[in-house]
Amino acid sequence: MTGSAKDIFTIILAYTSIFALTIFFFSTIAVYYWTEVTIAIPIIGIFLSLSVTYFMLRSTFSDPGVISRGDLEMPEEEDK
């Protein structure tokens, strides 16, 4: 995991929020749509929740990289 140790609370809060809302959706709203409306909405919900989880994990555990200052060219000043 990249970042400092003080960011762990923020990461845990973000994952807890996502998982709590996902569990709420699939235990209440998705059941209604599955039985009363169509099966497509819960399937789309499964795909979206798996995508969110995958990309959150990927961004949490990836190295953001560094742009070194020596590679950037300074803009030239124009004479007025």
N, C-alpha and C. Protein backbone atom coordinates (compact mmCIF):
# COMPACT_ATOMS: atom_id res chain seq x y z
N MET A 1 0.84 -1.16 0.00
CA MET A 1 0.00 0.00 0.00
C MET A 1 0.89 1.23 0.00
N THR A 2 0.59 2.15 -0.87
CA THR A 2 1.38 3.37 -0.94
C THR A 2 0.77 4.43 -0.03
N GLY A 3 1.55 5.42 0.27
CA GLY A 3 1.08 6.49 1.15
C GLY A 3 1.57 6.30 2.56
N SER A 4 1.23 7.26 3.38
CA SER A 4 1.70 7.21 4.76
C SER A 4 0.75 6.39 5.63
N ALA A 5 1.19 6.10 6.83
CA ALA A 5 0.40 5.30 7.76
C ALA A 5 -0.83 6.05 8.26
N LYS A 6 -0.81 7.37 8.20
CA LYS A 6 -1.97 8.15 8.67
C LYS A 6 -3.15 8.05 7.71
N ASP A 7 -2.92 7.59 6.47
CA ASP A 7 -3.99 7.46 5.50
C ASP A 7 -4.80 6.18 5.68
N ILE A 8 -4.41 5.31 6.57
CA ILE A 8 -5.08 4.02 6.73
C ILE A 8 -6.52 4.21 7.21
N PHE A 9 -6.79 5.21 8.06
CA PHE A 9 -8.15 5.48 8.51
C PHE A 9 -9.05 5.88 7.34
N THR A 10 -8.55 6.71 6.46
CA THR A 10 -9.32 7.14 5.30
C THR A 10 -9.61 5.97 4.37
N ILE A 11 -8.65 5.11 4.17
CA ILE A 11 -8.84 3.95 3.31
C ILE A 11 -9.86 2.99 3.91
N ILE A 12 -9.76 2.74 5.20
CA ILE A 12 -10.72 1.85 5.87
C ILE A 12 -12.13 2.45 5.82
N LEU A 13 -12.24 3.74 6.00
CA LEU A 13 -13.54 4.41 5.92
C LEU A 13 -14.14 4.30 4.53
N ALA A 14 -13.33 4.47 3.50
CA ALA A 14 -13.82 4.38 2.13
C ALA A 14 -14.30 2.97 1.80
N TYR A 15 -13.51 1.96 2.15
CA TYR A 15 -13.91 0.58 1.88
C TYR A 15 -15.14 0.17 2.69
N THR A 16 -15.22 0.61 3.94
CA THR A 16 -16.38 0.30 4.77
C THR A 16 -17.64 0.92 4.18
N SER A 17 -17.55 2.15 3.71
CA SER A 17 -18.70 2.80 3.09
C SER A 17 -19.16 2.07 1.85
N ILE A 18 -18.22 1.69 1.01
CA ILE A 18 -18.57 1.00 -0.23
C ILE A 18 -19.19 -0.36 0.07
N PHE A 19 -18.60 -1.12 0.97
CA PHE A 19 -19.12 -2.46 1.27
C PHE A 19 -20.47 -2.38 1.99
N ALA A 20 -20.66 -1.40 2.87
CA ALA A 20 -21.94 -1.27 3.57
C ALA A 20 -23.06 -0.93 2.60
N LEU A 21 -22.80 0.00 1.69
CA LEU A 21 -23.82 0.35 0.70
C LEU A 21 -24.10 -0.79 -0.27
N THR A 22 -23.08 -1.56 -0.61
CA THR A 22 -23.27 -2.71 -1.49
C THR A 22 -24.12 -3.78 -0.81
N ILE A 23 -23.83 -4.05 0.44
CA ILE A 23 -24.62 -5.04 1.18
C ILE A 23 -26.07 -4.57 1.33
N PHE A 24 -26.26 -3.30 1.61
CA PHE A 24 -27.61 -2.76 1.72
C PHE A 24 -28.36 -2.90 0.39
N PHE A 25 -27.70 -2.56 -0.70
CA PHE A 25 -28.35 -2.63 -2.01
C PHE A 25 -28.77 -4.07 -2.34
N PHE A 26 -27.85 -5.01 -2.14
CA PHE A 26 -28.16 -6.39 -2.53
C PHE A 26 -29.10 -7.08 -1.55
N SER A 27 -29.22 -6.59 -0.33
CA SER A 27 -30.14 -7.24 0.60
C SER A 27 -31.54 -6.65 0.55
N THR A 28 -31.71 -5.46 0.00
CA THR A 28 -33.04 -4.85 -0.05
C THR A 28 -33.48 -4.51 -1.47
N ILE A 29 -32.84 -3.60 -2.10
CA ILE A 29 -33.28 -3.07 -3.38
C ILE A 29 -33.16 -4.10 -4.49
N ALA A 30 -32.05 -4.81 -4.55
CA ALA A 30 -31.84 -5.79 -5.61
C ALA A 30 -32.83 -6.95 -5.52
N VAL A 31 -33.23 -7.31 -4.31
CA VAL A 31 -34.21 -8.38 -4.14
C VAL A 31 -35.54 -7.96 -4.75
N TYR A 32 -35.94 -6.73 -4.52
CA TYR A 32 -37.18 -6.22 -5.11
C TYR A 32 -37.11 -6.24 -6.63
N TYR A 33 -36.03 -5.70 -7.19
CA TYR A 33 -35.91 -5.67 -8.65
C TYR A 33 -35.82 -7.08 -9.23
N TRP A 34 -35.17 -7.99 -8.53
CA TRP A 34 -35.04 -9.37 -9.00
C TRP A 34 -36.41 -10.04 -9.11
N THR A 35 -37.26 -9.82 -8.11
CA THR A 35 -38.55 -10.52 -8.08
C THR A 35 -39.66 -9.77 -8.80
N GLU A 36 -39.66 -8.44 -8.76
CA GLU A 36 -40.79 -7.68 -9.28
C GLU A 36 -40.56 -7.05 -10.65
N VAL A 37 -39.36 -6.68 -10.98
CA VAL A 37 -39.13 -5.90 -12.20
C VAL A 37 -38.38 -6.73 -13.25
N THR A 38 -37.08 -6.84 -13.10
CA THR A 38 -36.26 -7.58 -14.05
C THR A 38 -34.97 -8.03 -13.39
N ILE A 39 -34.38 -9.06 -13.94
CA ILE A 39 -33.14 -9.60 -13.39
C ILE A 39 -31.92 -8.79 -13.85
N ALA A 40 -32.10 -7.95 -14.86
CA ALA A 40 -30.98 -7.20 -15.44
C ALA A 40 -30.40 -6.18 -14.46
N ILE A 41 -31.22 -5.55 -13.67
CA ILE A 41 -30.73 -4.50 -12.76
C ILE A 41 -29.81 -5.07 -11.68
N PRO A 42 -30.15 -6.17 -11.02
CA PRO A 42 -29.19 -6.73 -10.06
C PRO A 42 -27.91 -7.23 -10.72
N ILE A 43 -27.99 -7.74 -11.94
CA ILE A 43 -26.78 -8.18 -12.64
C ILE A 43 -25.88 -7.00 -12.95
N ILE A 44 -26.46 -5.89 -13.38
CA ILE A 44 -25.68 -4.67 -13.61
C ILE A 44 -25.08 -4.18 -12.30
N GLY A 45 -25.84 -4.29 -11.20
CA GLY A 45 -25.33 -3.91 -9.88
C GLY A 45 -24.14 -4.75 -9.45
N ILE A 46 -24.19 -6.06 -9.76
CA ILE A 46 -23.06 -6.94 -9.44
C ILE A 46 -21.83 -6.51 -10.23
N PHE A 47 -22.02 -6.25 -11.52
CA PHE A 47 -20.89 -5.82 -12.36
C PHE A 47 -20.29 -4.51 -11.86
N LEU A 48 -21.14 -3.54 -11.52
CA LEU A 48 -20.64 -2.25 -11.06
C LEU A 48 -19.94 -2.35 -9.70
N SER A 49 -20.49 -3.14 -8.79
CA SER A 49 -19.85 -3.26 -7.48
C SER A 49 -18.51 -3.99 -7.57
N LEU A 50 -18.42 -4.99 -8.44
CA LEU A 50 -17.12 -5.66 -8.64
C LEU A 50 -16.12 -4.72 -9.30
N SER A 51 -16.58 -3.89 -10.23
CA SER A 51 -15.69 -2.93 -10.89
C SER A 51 -15.17 -1.90 -9.89
N VAL A 52 -16.05 -1.38 -9.06
CA VAL A 52 -15.64 -0.39 -8.05
C VAL A 52 -14.61 -0.99 -7.10
N THR A 53 -14.88 -2.21 -6.64
CA THR A 53 -13.95 -2.86 -5.72
C THR A 53 -12.61 -3.12 -6.38
N TYR A 54 -12.62 -3.59 -7.62
CA TYR A 54 -11.37 -3.86 -8.33
C TYR A 54 -10.54 -2.59 -8.51
N PHE A 55 -11.17 -1.52 -8.97
CA PHE A 55 -10.41 -0.30 -9.24
C PHE A 55 -9.98 0.40 -7.95
N MET A 56 -10.75 0.29 -6.88
CA MET A 56 -10.31 0.84 -5.60
C MET A 56 -9.08 0.08 -5.08
N LEU A 57 -9.12 -1.25 -5.15
CA LEU A 57 -7.96 -2.03 -4.72
C LEU A 57 -6.75 -1.74 -5.59
N ARG A 58 -6.97 -1.62 -6.87
CA ARG A 58 -5.86 -1.35 -7.78
C ARG A 58 -5.24 0.02 -7.52
N SER A 59 -6.06 1.03 -7.27
CA SER A 59 -5.50 2.35 -7.00
C SER A 59 -4.89 2.45 -5.61
N THR A 60 -5.39 1.68 -4.66
CA THR A 60 -4.82 1.70 -3.31
C THR A 60 -3.44 1.07 -3.28
N PHE A 61 -3.25 -0.01 -4.02
CA PHE A 61 -2.00 -0.74 -3.95
C PHE A 61 -1.05 -0.48 -5.12
N SER A 62 -1.25 0.60 -5.87
CA SER A 62 -0.34 0.89 -6.97
C SER A 62 0.55 2.09 -6.62
N ASP A 63 1.67 2.14 -7.28
CA ASP A 63 2.62 3.22 -7.08
C ASP A 63 2.23 4.38 -8.00
N PRO A 64 2.02 5.58 -7.46
CA PRO A 64 1.58 6.68 -8.30
C PRO A 64 2.66 7.20 -9.25
N GLY A 65 3.92 6.92 -8.95
CA GLY A 65 4.99 7.39 -9.81
C GLY A 65 5.41 8.81 -9.45
N VAL A 66 6.50 9.23 -10.04
CA VAL A 66 7.05 10.54 -9.76
C VAL A 66 7.49 11.18 -11.06
N ILE A 67 7.17 12.44 -11.22
CA ILE A 67 7.70 13.22 -12.34
C ILE A 67 8.89 13.99 -11.79
N SER A 68 10.06 13.68 -12.31
CA SER A 68 11.24 14.36 -11.80
C SER A 68 11.27 15.80 -12.30
N ARG A 69 11.79 16.66 -11.47
CA ARG A 69 11.79 18.08 -11.81
C ARG A 69 12.79 18.41 -12.91
N GLY A 70 13.80 17.58 -13.09
CA GLY A 70 14.81 17.86 -14.10
C GLY A 70 14.32 17.61 -15.52
N ASP A 71 13.24 16.88 -15.68
CA ASP A 71 12.73 16.57 -17.02
C ASP A 71 11.85 17.66 -17.60
N LEU A 72 11.38 18.56 -16.76
CA LEU A 72 10.48 19.60 -17.24
C LEU A 72 11.27 20.81 -17.71
N GLU A 73 10.86 21.36 -18.82
CA GLU A 73 11.51 22.57 -19.33
C GLU A 73 10.79 23.79 -18.80
N MET A 74 11.55 24.79 -18.41
CA MET A 74 10.96 26.02 -17.91
C MET A 74 10.50 26.85 -19.09
N PRO A 75 9.34 27.47 -19.01
CA PRO A 75 8.88 28.31 -20.11
C PRO A 75 9.76 29.56 -20.21
N GLU A 76 10.00 29.99 -21.43
CA GLU A 76 10.83 31.16 -21.65
C GLU A 76 10.00 32.41 -21.42
N GLU A 77 10.62 33.40 -20.82
CA GLU A 77 9.94 34.65 -20.56
C GLU A 77 9.97 35.50 -21.81
N GLU A 78 8.84 36.14 -22.08
CA GLU A 78 8.75 37.02 -23.25
C GLU A 78 9.09 38.44 -22.81
N ASP A 79 9.83 39.14 -23.65
CA ASP A 79 10.15 40.55 -23.37
C ASP A 79 8.98 41.40 -23.84
N LYS A 80 8.60 42.35 -23.03
CA LYS A 80 7.47 43.24 -23.41
C LYS A 80 7.96 44.59 -23.76
